[in-house]
Amino acid sequence: MYLYKYTYVMSKIKPSHDPRAFMEELAGLWPLAKGSLVQVRKPCIRPQCEACRSGRKHRAWLFSFTQDGKRRCRYVPLELVPTLRKALDNGRQLERRLVELGAELLQRYRQERL
């Protein structure tokens, strides 16, 4: 009974923002990604590499993300790093916006109950 009442009340609440406006806002956040980007130093496969022998190794970028509950890492080509940084920033903005919308929905629910 409680779930039914909750669903009924929530269905009567009007969102404060037009869904089309949210979709336009979302389109402005493209590209999107969730995860992290890190620069690491890795050895190469060449046995006589001066950088590896000296301990400097070679720079590489890794994108780390969760997939099916497991942590994954992928190498990122250098030319894709700026795009991926932008996607990660946009993903963080989207997460903040979703939190705001959830809090707003709860507040509107409480106002409707009074």
PDB file of N, CA and C in Angstrom:
ATOM      1  N   MET A   1       0.829  -1.193   0.000  1.00  0.00           N
ATOM      2  CA  MET A   1       0.000   0.000   0.000  1.00  0.00           C
ATOM      3  C   MET A   1       0.872   1.254   0.000  1.00  0.00           C
ATOM      4  N   TYR A   2       1.936   1.239   0.809  1.00  0.00           N
ATOM      5  CA  TYR A   2       2.794   2.418   0.893  1.00  0.00           C
ATOM      6  C   TYR A   2       3.409   2.740  -0.466  1.00  0.00           C
ATOM      7  N   LEU A   3       3.896   1.719  -1.169  1.00  0.00           N
ATOM      8  CA  LEU A   3       4.521   1.938  -2.466  1.00  0.00           C
ATOM      9  C   LEU A   3       3.525   2.530  -3.448  1.00  0.00           C
ATOM     10  N   TYR A   4       2.287   2.036  -3.409  1.00  0.00           N
ATOM     11  CA  TYR A   4       1.253   2.565  -4.297  1.00  0.00           C
ATOM     12  C   TYR A   4       1.006   4.039  -4.005  1.00  0.00           C
ATOM     13  N   LYS A   5       0.864   4.376  -2.712  1.00  0.00           N
ATOM     14  CA  LYS A   5       0.618   5.759  -2.327  1.00  0.00           C
ATOM     15  C   LYS A   5       1.779   6.651  -2.758  1.00  0.00           C
ATOM     16  N   TYR A   6       2.998   6.188  -2.553  1.00  0.00           N
ATOM     17  CA  TYR A   6       4.196   6.952  -2.931  1.00  0.00           C
ATOM     18  C   TYR A   6       4.213   7.182  -4.447  1.00  0.00           C
ATOM     19  N   THR A   7       3.928   6.127  -5.216  1.00  0.00           N
ATOM     20  CA  THR A   7       3.922   6.248  -6.670  1.00  0.00           C
ATOM     21  C   THR A   7       2.841   7.205  -7.124  1.00  0.00           C
ATOM     22  N   TYR A   8       1.680   7.130  -6.506  1.00  0.00           N
ATOM     23  CA  TYR A   8       0.572   8.011  -6.876  1.00  0.00           C
ATOM     24  C   TYR A   8       0.922   9.465  -6.615  1.00  0.00           C
ATOM     25  N   VAL A   9       1.467   9.745  -5.433  1.00  0.00           N
ATOM     26  CA  VAL A   9       1.821  11.120  -5.081  1.00  0.00           C
ATOM     27  C   VAL A   9       2.927  11.630  -5.999  1.00  0.00           C
ATOM     28  N   MET A  10       3.964  10.802  -6.255  1.00  0.00           N
ATOM     29  CA  MET A  10       5.074  11.230  -7.108  1.00  0.00           C
ATOM     30  C   MET A  10       4.611  11.506  -8.529  1.00  0.00           C
ATOM     31  N   SER A  11       3.610  10.762  -9.009  1.00  0.00           N
ATOM     32  CA  SER A  11       3.148  10.975 -10.380  1.00  0.00           C
ATOM     33  C   SER A  11       2.421  12.306 -10.532  1.00  0.00           C
ATOM     34  N   LYS A  12       1.946  12.873  -9.427  1.00  0.00           N
ATOM     35  CA  LYS A  12       1.238  14.145  -9.484  1.00  0.00           C
ATOM     36  C   LYS A  12       2.176  15.346  -9.434  1.00  0.00           C
ATOM     37  N   ILE A  13       3.440  15.106  -9.066  1.00  0.00           N
ATOM     38  CA  ILE A  13       4.393  16.215  -8.941  1.00  0.00           C
ATOM     39  C   ILE A  13       4.873  16.616 -10.328  1.00  0.00           C
ATOM     40  N   LYS A  14       4.809  17.880 -10.592  1.00  0.00           N
ATOM     41  CA  LYS A  14       5.270  18.406 -11.879  1.00  0.00           C
ATOM     42  C   LYS A  14       6.740  18.788 -11.749  1.00  0.00           C
ATOM     43  N   PRO A  15       7.582  18.372 -12.683  1.00  0.00           N
ATOM     44  CA  PRO A  15       8.988  18.786 -12.612  1.00  0.00           C
ATOM     45  C   PRO A  15       9.101  20.290 -12.814  1.00  0.00           C
ATOM     46  N   SER A  16      10.031  20.900 -12.116  1.00  0.00           N
ATOM     47  CA  SER A  16      10.169  22.353 -12.209  1.00  0.00           C
ATOM     48  C   SER A  16      10.801  22.773 -13.525  1.00  0.00           C
ATOM     49  N   HIS A  17      11.479  21.845 -14.185  1.00  0.00           N
ATOM     50  CA  HIS A  17      12.105  22.158 -15.455  1.00  0.00           C
ATOM     51  C   HIS A  17      11.453  21.342 -16.555  1.00  0.00           C
ATOM     52  N   ASP A  18      11.343  21.952 -17.680  1.00  0.00           N
ATOM     53  CA  ASP A  18      10.817  21.268 -18.848  1.00  0.00           C
ATOM     54  C   ASP A  18      11.805  20.189 -19.276  1.00  0.00           C
ATOM     55  N   PRO A  19      11.349  18.957 -19.519  1.00  0.00           N
ATOM     56  CA  PRO A  19      12.272  17.898 -19.943  1.00  0.00           C
ATOM     57  C   PRO A  19      13.040  18.269 -21.209  1.00  0.00           C
ATOM     58  N   ARG A  20      12.421  19.037 -22.083  1.00  0.00           N
ATOM     59  CA  ARG A  20      13.133  19.445 -23.305  1.00  0.00           C
ATOM     60  C   ARG A  20      14.290  20.374 -22.969  1.00  0.00           C
ATOM     61  N   ALA A  21      14.097  21.240 -21.979  1.00  0.00           N
ATOM     62  CA  ALA A  21      15.179  22.136 -21.564  1.00  0.00           C
ATOM     63  C   ALA A  21      16.326  21.331 -20.960  1.00  0.00           C
ATOM     64  N   PHE A  22      15.978  20.285 -20.201  1.00  0.00           N
ATOM     65  CA  PHE A  22      17.024  19.424 -19.638  1.00  0.00           C
ATOM     66  C   PHE A  22      17.780  18.712 -20.752  1.00  0.00           C
ATOM     67  N   MET A  23      17.080  18.240 -21.771  1.00  0.00           N
ATOM     68  CA  MET A  23      17.739  17.556 -22.885  1.00  0.00           C
ATOM     69  C   MET A  23      18.667  18.508 -23.639  1.00  0.00           C
ATOM     70  N   GLU A  24      18.246  19.763 -23.781  1.00  0.00           N
ATOM     71  CA  GLU A  24      19.122  20.757 -24.412  1.00  0.00           C
ATOM     72  C   GLU A  24      20.356  21.004 -23.550  1.00  0.00           C
ATOM     73  N   GLU A  25      20.142  21.073 -22.243  1.00  0.00           N
ATOM     74  CA  GLU A  25      21.263  21.236 -21.316  1.00  0.00           C
ATOM     75  C   GLU A  25      22.202  20.037 -21.425  1.00  0.00           C
ATOM     76  N   LEU A  26      21.638  18.860 -21.526  1.00  0.00           N
ATOM     77  CA  LEU A  26      22.420  17.633 -21.648  1.00  0.00           C
ATOM     78  C   LEU A  26      23.213  17.617 -22.957  1.00  0.00           C
ATOM     79  N   ALA A  27      22.593  18.056 -24.033  1.00  0.00           N
ATOM     80  CA  ALA A  27      23.282  18.091 -25.331  1.00  0.00           C
ATOM     81  C   ALA A  27      24.504  19.005 -25.279  1.00  0.00           C
ATOM     82  N   GLY A  28      24.431  20.055 -24.472  1.00  0.00           N
ATOM     83  CA  GLY A  28      25.558  20.967 -24.327  1.00  0.00           C
ATOM     84  C   GLY A  28      26.714  20.359 -23.545  1.00  0.00           C
ATOM     85  N   LEU A  29      26.470  19.226 -22.899  1.00  0.00           N
ATOM     86  CA  LEU A  29      27.510  18.562 -22.116  1.00  0.00           C
ATOM     87  C   LEU A  29      28.192  17.433 -22.878  1.00  0.00           C
ATOM     88  N   TRP A  30      28.010  17.378 -24.182  1.00  0.00           N
ATOM     89  CA  TRP A  30      28.625  16.296 -24.950  1.00  0.00           C
ATOM     90  C   TRP A  30      30.059  16.644 -25.262  1.00  0.00           C
ATOM     91  N   PRO A  31      31.004  15.764 -25.209  1.00  0.00           N
ATOM     92  CA  PRO A  31      30.963  14.344 -24.889  1.00  0.00           C
ATOM     93  C   PRO A  31      30.897  14.110 -23.382  1.00  0.00           C
ATOM     94  N   LEU A  32      30.453  12.921 -22.990  1.00  0.00           N
ATOM     95  CA  LEU A  32      30.316  12.544 -21.583  1.00  0.00           C
ATOM     96  C   LEU A  32      31.130  11.294 -21.278  1.00  0.00           C
ATOM     97  N   ALA A  33      31.707  11.254 -20.089  1.00  0.00           N
ATOM     98  CA  ALA A  33      32.413  10.052 -19.631  1.00  0.00           C
ATOM     99  C   ALA A  33      32.443  10.067 -18.111  1.00  0.00           C
ATOM    100  N   LYS A  34      32.560   8.889 -17.531  1.00  0.00           N
ATOM    101  CA  LYS A  34      32.729   8.754 -16.087  1.00  0.00           C
ATOM    102  C   LYS A  34      33.926   7.846 -15.857  1.00  0.00           C
ATOM    103  N   GLY A  35      34.831   8.301 -15.023  1.00  0.00           N
ATOM    104  CA  GLY A  35      36.039   7.543 -14.747  1.00  0.00           C
ATOM    105  C   GLY A  35      37.141   8.506 -14.353  1.00  0.00           C
ATOM    106  N   SER A  36      38.371   8.110 -14.594  1.00  0.00           N
ATOM    107  CA  SER A  36      39.500   8.990 -14.293  1.00  0.00           C
ATOM    108  C   SER A  36      40.579   8.809 -15.354  1.00  0.00           C
ATOM    109  N   LEU A  37      41.361   9.842 -15.496  1.00  0.00           N
ATOM    110  CA  LEU A  37      42.453   9.873 -16.469  1.00  0.00           C
ATOM    111  C   LEU A  37      43.739  10.131 -15.705  1.00  0.00           C
ATOM    112  N   VAL A  38      44.752   9.320 -15.969  1.00  0.00           N
ATOM    113  CA  VAL A  38      46.015   9.475 -15.253  1.00  0.00           C
ATOM    114  C   VAL A  38      47.176   9.255 -16.216  1.00  0.00           C
ATOM    115  N   GLN A  39      48.240  10.014 -15.974  1.00  0.00           N
ATOM    116  CA  GLN A  39      49.452   9.821 -16.757  1.00  0.00           C
ATOM    117  C   GLN A  39      50.398   8.925 -15.953  1.00  0.00           C
ATOM    118  N   VAL A  40      50.922   7.909 -16.607  1.00  0.00           N
ATOM    119  CA  VAL A  40      51.837   6.966 -15.963  1.00  0.00           C
ATOM    120  C   VAL A  40      53.108   6.870 -16.798  1.00  0.00           C
ATOM    121  N   ARG A  41      54.103   6.218 -16.244  1.00  0.00           N
ATOM    122  CA  ARG A  41      55.333   5.932 -16.987  1.00  0.00           C
ATOM    123  C   ARG A  41      55.498   4.428 -17.041  1.00  0.00           C
ATOM    124  N   LYS A  42      55.638   3.914 -18.263  1.00  0.00           N
ATOM    125  CA  LYS A  42      55.708   2.469 -18.485  1.00  0.00           C
ATOM    126  C   LYS A  42      56.970   2.133 -19.278  1.00  0.00           C
ATOM    127  N   PRO A  43      57.530   0.964 -19.037  1.00  0.00           N
ATOM    128  CA  PRO A  43      58.668   0.532 -19.863  1.00  0.00           C
ATOM    129  C   PRO A  43      58.164   0.043 -21.222  1.00  0.00           C
ATOM    130  N   CYS A  44      59.032   0.121 -22.212  1.00  0.00           N
ATOM    131  CA  CYS A  44      58.666  -0.389 -23.532  1.00  0.00           C
ATOM    132  C   CYS A  44      59.256  -1.792 -23.722  1.00  0.00           C
ATOM    133  N   ILE A  45      59.110  -2.334 -24.915  1.00  0.00           N
ATOM    134  CA  ILE A  45      59.584  -3.707 -25.168  1.00  0.00           C
ATOM    135  C   ILE A  45      60.985  -3.749 -25.764  1.00  0.00           C
ATOM    136  N   ARG A  46      61.554  -2.587 -26.095  1.00  0.00           N
ATOM    137  CA  ARG A  46      62.893  -2.578 -26.702  1.00  0.00           C
ATOM    138  C   ARG A  46      63.963  -2.830 -25.640  1.00  0.00           C
ATOM    139  N   PRO A  47      64.794  -3.816 -25.824  1.00  0.00           N
ATOM    140  CA  PRO A  47      65.786  -4.169 -24.791  1.00  0.00           C
ATOM    141  C   PRO A  47      66.867  -3.106 -24.589  1.00  0.00           C
ATOM    142  N   GLN A  48      67.185  -2.312 -25.584  1.00  0.00           N
ATOM    143  CA  GLN A  48      68.258  -1.313 -25.470  1.00  0.00           C
ATOM    144  C   GLN A  48      67.729   0.116 -25.370  1.00  0.00           C
ATOM    145  N   CYS A  49      66.510   0.299 -24.934  1.00  0.00           N
ATOM    146  CA  CYS A  49      65.907   1.638 -24.843  1.00  0.00           C
ATOM    147  C   CYS A  49      66.597   2.447 -23.750  1.00  0.00           C
ATOM    148  N   GLU A  50      67.130   3.594 -24.133  1.00  0.00           N
ATOM    149  CA  GLU A  50      67.858   4.451 -23.198  1.00  0.00           C
ATOM    150  C   GLU A  50      66.938   4.988 -22.102  1.00  0.00           C
ATOM    151  N   ALA A  51      65.722   5.358 -22.453  1.00  0.00           N
ATOM    152  CA  ALA A  51      64.789   5.899 -21.457  1.00  0.00           C
ATOM    153  C   ALA A  51      64.443   4.845 -20.406  1.00  0.00           C
ATOM    154  N   CYS A  52      64.228   3.629 -20.845  1.00  0.00           N
ATOM    155  CA  CYS A  52      63.877   2.551 -19.903  1.00  0.00           C
ATOM    156  C   CYS A  52      65.083   2.160 -19.042  1.00  0.00           C
ATOM    157  N   ARG A  53      66.254   2.121 -19.651  1.00  0.00           N
ATOM    158  CA  ARG A  53      67.451   1.754 -18.882  1.00  0.00           C
ATOM    159  C   ARG A  53      67.786   2.808 -17.834  1.00  0.00           C
ATOM    160  N   SER A  54      67.514   4.062 -18.141  1.00  0.00           N
ATOM    161  CA  SER A  54      67.815   5.132 -17.188  1.00  0.00           C
ATOM    162  C   SER A  54      66.742   5.261 -16.105  1.00  0.00           C
ATOM    163  N   GLY A  55      65.604   4.595 -16.284  1.00  0.00           N
ATOM    164  CA  GLY A  55      64.533   4.650 -15.292  1.00  0.00           C
ATOM    165  C   GLY A  55      63.458   5.672 -15.593  1.00  0.00           C
ATOM    166  N   ARG A  56      63.659   6.482 -16.650  1.00  0.00           N
ATOM    167  CA  ARG A  56      62.651   7.497 -17.001  1.00  0.00           C
ATOM    168  C   ARG A  56      61.391   6.863 -17.565  1.00  0.00           C
ATOM    169  N   LYS A  57      61.554   5.812 -18.327  1.00  0.00           N
ATOM    170  CA  LYS A  57      60.466   5.083 -18.998  1.00  0.00           C
ATOM    171  C   LYS A  57      59.717   5.999 -19.960  1.00  0.00           C
ATOM    172  N   HIS A  58      58.537   5.598 -20.385  1.00  0.00           N
ATOM    173  CA  HIS A  58      57.778   6.346 -21.390  1.00  0.00           C
ATOM    174  C   HIS A  58      56.427   6.755 -20.819  1.00  0.00           C
ATOM    175  N   ARG A  59      56.018   7.976 -21.128  1.00  0.00           N
ATOM    176  CA  ARG A  59      54.725   8.469 -20.658  1.00  0.00           C
ATOM    177  C   ARG A  59      53.594   7.767 -21.395  1.00  0.00           C
ATOM    178  N   ALA A  60      52.536   7.503 -20.663  1.00  0.00           N
ATOM    179  CA  ALA A  60      51.330   6.934 -21.256  1.00  0.00           C
ATOM    180  C   ALA A  60      50.138   7.451 -20.461  1.00  0.00           C
ATOM    181  N   TRP A  61      48.999   7.529 -21.110  1.00  0.00           N
ATOM    182  CA  TRP A  61      47.762   7.959 -20.463  1.00  0.00           C
ATOM    183  C   TRP A  61      46.846   6.759 -20.320  1.00  0.00           C
ATOM    184  N   LEU A  62      46.224   6.634 -19.140  1.00  0.00           N
ATOM    185  CA  LEU A  62      45.288   5.550 -18.875  1.00  0.00           C
ATOM    186  C   LEU A  62      43.935   6.126 -18.469  1.00  0.00           C
ATOM    187  N   PHE A  63      42.895   5.557 -19.013  1.00  0.00           N
ATOM    188  CA  PHE A  63      41.523   5.882 -18.621  1.00  0.00           C
ATOM    189  C   PHE A  63      41.034   4.727 -17.763  1.00  0.00           C
ATOM    190  N   SER A  64      40.633   5.028 -16.543  1.00  0.00           N
ATOM    191  CA  SER A  64      40.183   4.017 -15.598  1.00  0.00           C
ATOM    192  C   SER A  64      38.682   4.206 -15.374  1.00  0.00           C
ATOM    193  N   PHE A  65      37.925   3.111 -15.418  1.00  0.00           N
ATOM    194  CA  PHE A  65      36.469   3.179 -15.278  1.00  0.00           C
ATOM    195  C   PHE A  65      35.957   1.865 -14.713  1.00  0.00           C
ATOM    196  N   THR A  66      34.717   1.869 -14.261  1.00  0.00           N
ATOM    197  CA  THR A  66      34.085   0.663 -13.730  1.00  0.00           C
ATOM    198  C   THR A  66      33.119   0.112 -14.760  1.00  0.00           C
ATOM    199  N   GLN A  67      33.234  -1.185 -15.014  1.00  0.00           N
ATOM    200  CA  GLN A  67      32.348  -1.852 -15.966  1.00  0.00           C
ATOM    201  C   GLN A  67      31.916  -3.182 -15.363  1.00  0.00           C
ATOM    202  N   ASP A  68      30.628  -3.392 -15.246  1.00  0.00           N
ATOM    203  CA  ASP A  68      30.087  -4.621 -14.658  1.00  0.00           C
ATOM    204  C   ASP A  68      30.679  -4.902 -13.278  1.00  0.00           C
ATOM    205  N   GLY A  69      30.863  -3.835 -12.489  1.00  0.00           N
ATOM    206  CA  GLY A  69      31.369  -3.985 -11.133  1.00  0.00           C
ATOM    207  C   GLY A  69      32.870  -4.197 -11.023  1.00  0.00           C
ATOM    208  N   LYS A  70      33.571  -4.177 -12.147  1.00  0.00           N
ATOM    209  CA  LYS A  70      35.025  -4.380 -12.131  1.00  0.00           C
ATOM    210  C   LYS A  70      35.727  -3.133 -12.641  1.00  0.00           C
ATOM    211  N   ARG A  71      36.884  -2.870 -12.053  1.00  0.00           N
ATOM    212  CA  ARG A  71      37.686  -1.722 -12.475  1.00  0.00           C
ATOM    213  C   ARG A  71      38.455  -2.092 -13.729  1.00  0.00           C
ATOM    214  N   ARG A  72      38.379  -1.241 -14.746  1.00  0.00           N
ATOM    215  CA  ARG A  72      39.059  -1.459 -16.024  1.00  0.00           C
ATOM    216  C   ARG A  72      39.953  -0.260 -16.331  1.00  0.00           C
ATOM    217  N   CYS A  73      40.988  -0.509 -17.115  1.00  0.00           N
ATOM    218  CA  CYS A  73      41.886   0.546 -17.580  1.00  0.00           C
ATOM    219  C   CYS A  73      42.122   0.358 -19.066  1.00  0.00           C
ATOM    220  N   ARG A  74      42.188   1.467 -19.777  1.00  0.00           N
ATOM    221  CA  ARG A  74      42.473   1.448 -21.213  1.00  0.00           C
ATOM    222  C   ARG A  74      43.507   2.525 -21.513  1.00  0.00           C
ATOM    223  N   TYR A  75      44.414   2.206 -22.407  1.00  0.00           N
ATOM    224  CA  TYR A  75      45.361   3.215 -22.878  1.00  0.00           C
ATOM    225  C   TYR A  75      44.618   4.251 -23.706  1.00  0.00           C
ATOM    226  N   VAL A  76      45.062   5.495 -23.582  1.00  0.00           N
ATOM    227  CA  VAL A  76      44.441   6.602 -24.303  1.00  0.00           C
ATOM    228  C   VAL A  76      45.479   7.213 -25.226  1.00  0.00           C
ATOM    229  N   PRO A  77      45.199   7.305 -26.520  1.00  0.00           N
ATOM    230  CA  PRO A  77      46.135   7.982 -27.424  1.00  0.00           C
ATOM    231  C   PRO A  77      46.291   9.452 -27.025  1.00  0.00           C
ATOM    232  N   LEU A  78      47.483   9.982 -27.170  1.00  0.00           N
ATOM    233  CA  LEU A  78      47.784  11.345 -26.748  1.00  0.00           C
ATOM    234  C   LEU A  78      46.828  12.364 -27.364  1.00  0.00           C
ATOM    235  N   GLU A  79      46.456  12.175 -28.631  1.00  0.00           N
ATOM    236  CA  GLU A  79      45.571  13.145 -29.285  1.00  0.00           C
ATOM    237  C   GLU A  79      44.142  13.104 -28.738  1.00  0.00           C
ATOM    238  N   LEU A  80      43.779  12.047 -28.024  1.00  0.00           N
ATOM    239  CA  LEU A  80      42.432  11.943 -27.451  1.00  0.00           C
ATOM    240  C   LEU A  80      42.354  12.486 -26.024  1.00  0.00           C
ATOM    241  N   VAL A  81      43.474  12.765 -25.388  1.00  0.00           N
ATOM    242  CA  VAL A  81      43.501  13.213 -23.999  1.00  0.00           C
ATOM    243  C   VAL A  81      42.659  14.471 -23.776  1.00  0.00           C
ATOM    244  N   PRO A  82      42.785  15.544 -24.579  1.00  0.00           N
ATOM    245  CA  PRO A  82      41.950  16.737 -24.329  1.00  0.00           C
ATOM    246  C   PRO A  82      40.446  16.447 -24.425  1.00  0.00           C
ATOM    247  N   THR A  83      40.054  15.627 -25.379  1.00  0.00           N
ATOM    248  CA  THR A  83      38.637  15.283 -25.540  1.00  0.00           C
ATOM    249  C   THR A  83      38.143  14.480 -24.339  1.00  0.00           C
ATOM    250  N   LEU A  84      38.956  13.544 -23.886  1.00  0.00           N
ATOM    251  CA  LEU A  84      38.562  12.736 -22.738  1.00  0.00           C
ATOM    252  C   LEU A  84      38.502  13.571 -21.468  1.00  0.00           C
ATOM    253  N   ARG A  85      39.409  14.525 -21.311  1.00  0.00           N
ATOM    254  CA  ARG A  85      39.348  15.434 -20.152  1.00  0.00           C
ATOM    255  C   ARG A  85      38.037  16.207 -20.150  1.00  0.00           C
ATOM    256  N   LYS A  86      37.666  16.717 -21.324  1.00  0.00           N
ATOM    257  CA  LYS A  86      36.403  17.455 -21.451  1.00  0.00           C
ATOM    258  C   LYS A  86      35.220  16.544 -21.125  1.00  0.00           C
ATOM    259  N   ALA A  87      35.242  15.315 -21.611  1.00  0.00           N
ATOM    260  CA  ALA A  87      34.161  14.364 -21.346  1.00  0.00           C
ATOM    261  C   ALA A  87      34.044  14.071 -19.851  1.00  0.00           C
ATOM    262  N   LEU A  88      35.160  13.922 -19.170  1.00  0.00           N
ATOM    263  CA  LEU A  88      35.147  13.673 -17.731  1.00  0.00           C
ATOM    264  C   LEU A  88      34.613  14.875 -16.957  1.00  0.00           C
ATOM    265  N   ASP A  89      35.015  16.088 -17.349  1.00  0.00           N
ATOM    266  CA  ASP A  89      34.479  17.304 -16.721  1.00  0.00           C
ATOM    267  C   ASP A  89      32.967  17.383 -16.929  1.00  0.00           C
ATOM    268  N   ASN A  90      32.524  17.096 -18.149  1.00  0.00           N
ATOM    269  CA  ASN A  90      31.091  17.127 -18.445  1.00  0.00           C
ATOM    270  C   ASN A  90      30.343  16.064 -17.636  1.00  0.00           C
ATOM    271  N   GLY A  91      30.951  14.902 -17.479  1.00  0.00           N
ATOM    272  CA  GLY A  91      30.330  13.846 -16.682  1.00  0.00           C
ATOM    273  C   GLY A  91      30.150  14.270 -15.233  1.00  0.00           C
ATOM    274  N   ARG A  92      31.139  14.972 -14.681  1.00  0.00           N
ATOM    275  CA  ARG A  92      31.022  15.464 -13.310  1.00  0.00           C
ATOM    276  C   ARG A  92      29.915  16.515 -13.203  1.00  0.00           C
ATOM    277  N   GLN A  93      29.819  17.376 -14.214  1.00  0.00           N
ATOM    278  CA  GLN A  93      28.745  18.374 -14.218  1.00  0.00           C
ATOM    279  C   GLN A  93      27.387  17.699 -14.267  1.00  0.00           C
ATOM    280  N   LEU A  94      27.253  16.661 -15.083  1.00  0.00           N
ATOM    281  CA  LEU A  94      25.989  15.940 -15.174  1.00  0.00           C
ATOM    282  C   LEU A  94      25.647  15.290 -13.841  1.00  0.00           C
ATOM    283  N   GLU A  95      26.610  14.688 -13.182  1.00  0.00           N
ATOM    284  CA  GLU A  95      26.349  14.071 -11.874  1.00  0.00           C
ATOM    285  C   GLU A  95      25.879  15.107 -10.865  1.00  0.00           C
ATOM    286  N   ARG A  96      26.517  16.285 -10.851  1.00  0.00           N
ATOM    287  CA  ARG A  96      26.077  17.353  -9.942  1.00  0.00           C
ATOM    288  C   ARG A  96      24.643  17.768 -10.255  1.00  0.00           C
ATOM    289  N   ARG A  97      24.335  17.865 -11.539  1.00  0.00           N
ATOM    290  CA  ARG A  97      22.984  18.277 -11.952  1.00  0.00           C
ATOM    291  C   ARG A  97      21.948  17.236 -11.546  1.00  0.00           C
ATOM    292  N   LEU A  98      22.272  15.966 -11.677  1.00  0.00           N
ATOM    293  CA  LEU A  98      21.342  14.910 -11.278  1.00  0.00           C
ATOM    294  C   LEU A  98      21.085  14.935  -9.776  1.00  0.00           C
ATOM    295  N   VAL A  99      22.110  15.235  -8.999  1.00  0.00           N
ATOM    296  CA  VAL A  99      21.926  15.360  -7.550  1.00  0.00           C
ATOM    297  C   VAL A  99      20.988  16.519  -7.249  1.00  0.00           C
ATOM    298  N   GLU A 100      21.186  17.643  -7.937  1.00  0.00           N
ATOM    299  CA  GLU A 100      20.304  18.793  -7.746  1.00  0.00           C
ATOM    300  C   GLU A 100      18.860  18.439  -8.087  1.00  0.00           C
ATOM    301  N   LEU A 101      18.657  17.735  -9.196  1.00  0.00           N
ATOM    302  CA  LEU A 101      17.306  17.365  -9.605  1.00  0.00           C
ATOM    303  C   LEU A 101      16.658  16.412  -8.612  1.00  0.00           C
ATOM    304  N   GLY A 102      17.435  15.493  -8.062  1.00  0.00           N
ATOM    305  CA  GLY A 102      16.893  14.578  -7.064  1.00  0.00           C
ATOM    306  C   GLY A 102      16.467  15.310  -5.805  1.00  0.00           C
ATOM    307  N   ALA A 103      17.290  16.238  -5.336  1.00  0.00           N
ATOM    308  CA  ALA A 103      16.956  17.020  -4.147  1.00  0.00           C
ATOM    309  C   ALA A 103      15.725  17.887  -4.416  1.00  0.00           C
ATOM    310  N   GLU A 104      15.662  18.444  -5.602  1.00  0.00           N
ATOM    311  CA  GLU A 104      14.516  19.273  -5.981  1.00  0.00           C
ATOM    312  C   GLU A 104      13.231  18.447  -6.027  1.00  0.00           C
ATOM    313  N   LEU A 105      13.320  17.253  -6.573  1.00  0.00           N
ATOM    314  CA  LEU A 105      12.158  16.373  -6.639  1.00  0.00           C
ATOM    315  C   LEU A 105      11.661  16.028  -5.240  1.00  0.00           C
ATOM    316  N   LEU A 106      12.565  15.741  -4.327  1.00  0.00           N
ATOM    317  CA  LEU A 106      12.191  15.430  -2.958  1.00  0.00           C
ATOM    318  C   LEU A 106      11.552  16.635  -2.274  1.00  0.00           C
ATOM    319  N   GLN A 107      12.119  17.810  -2.498  1.00  0.00           N
ATOM    320  CA  GLN A 107      11.564  19.018  -1.891  1.00  0.00           C
ATOM    321  C   GLN A 107      10.160  19.279  -2.422  1.00  0.00           C
ATOM    322  N   ARG A 108       9.963  19.107  -3.721  1.00  0.00           N
ATOM    323  CA  ARG A 108       8.626  19.319  -4.298  1.00  0.00           C
ATOM    324  C   ARG A 108       7.637  18.287  -3.772  1.00  0.00           C
ATOM    325  N   TYR A 109       8.092  17.071  -3.557  1.00  0.00           N
ATOM    326  CA  TYR A 109       7.245  16.031  -2.979  1.00  0.00           C
ATOM    327  C   TYR A 109       6.779  16.440  -1.589  1.00  0.00           C
ATOM    328  N   ARG A 110       7.717  16.944  -0.793  1.00  0.00           N
ATOM    329  CA  ARG A 110       7.368  17.375   0.568  1.00  0.00           C
ATOM    330  C   ARG A 110       6.410  18.552   0.558  1.00  0.00           C
ATOM    331  N   GLN A 111       6.576  19.470  -0.374  1.00  0.00           N
ATOM    332  CA  GLN A 111       5.666  20.603  -0.484  1.00  0.00           C
ATOM    333  C   GLN A 111       4.260  20.156  -0.880  1.00  0.00           C
ATOM    334  N   GLU A 112       4.179  19.176  -1.754  1.00  0.00           N
ATOM    335  CA  GLU A 112       2.880  18.670  -2.196  1.00  0.00           C
ATOM    336  C   GLU A 112       2.139  17.969  -1.062  1.00  0.00           C
ATOM    337  N   ARG A 113       2.867  17.365  -0.141  1.00  0.00           N
ATOM    338  CA  ARG A 113       2.242  16.649   0.969  1.00  0.00           C
ATOM    339  C   ARG A 113       1.612  17.587   1.973  1.00  0.00           C
ATOM    340  N   LEU A 114       2.097  18.808   2.067  1.00  0.00           N
ATOM    341  CA  LEU A 114       1.576  19.747   3.072  1.00  0.00           C
ATOM    342  C   LEU A 114       0.238  20.302   2.708  1.00  0.00           C
TER     343      LEU A 114
END
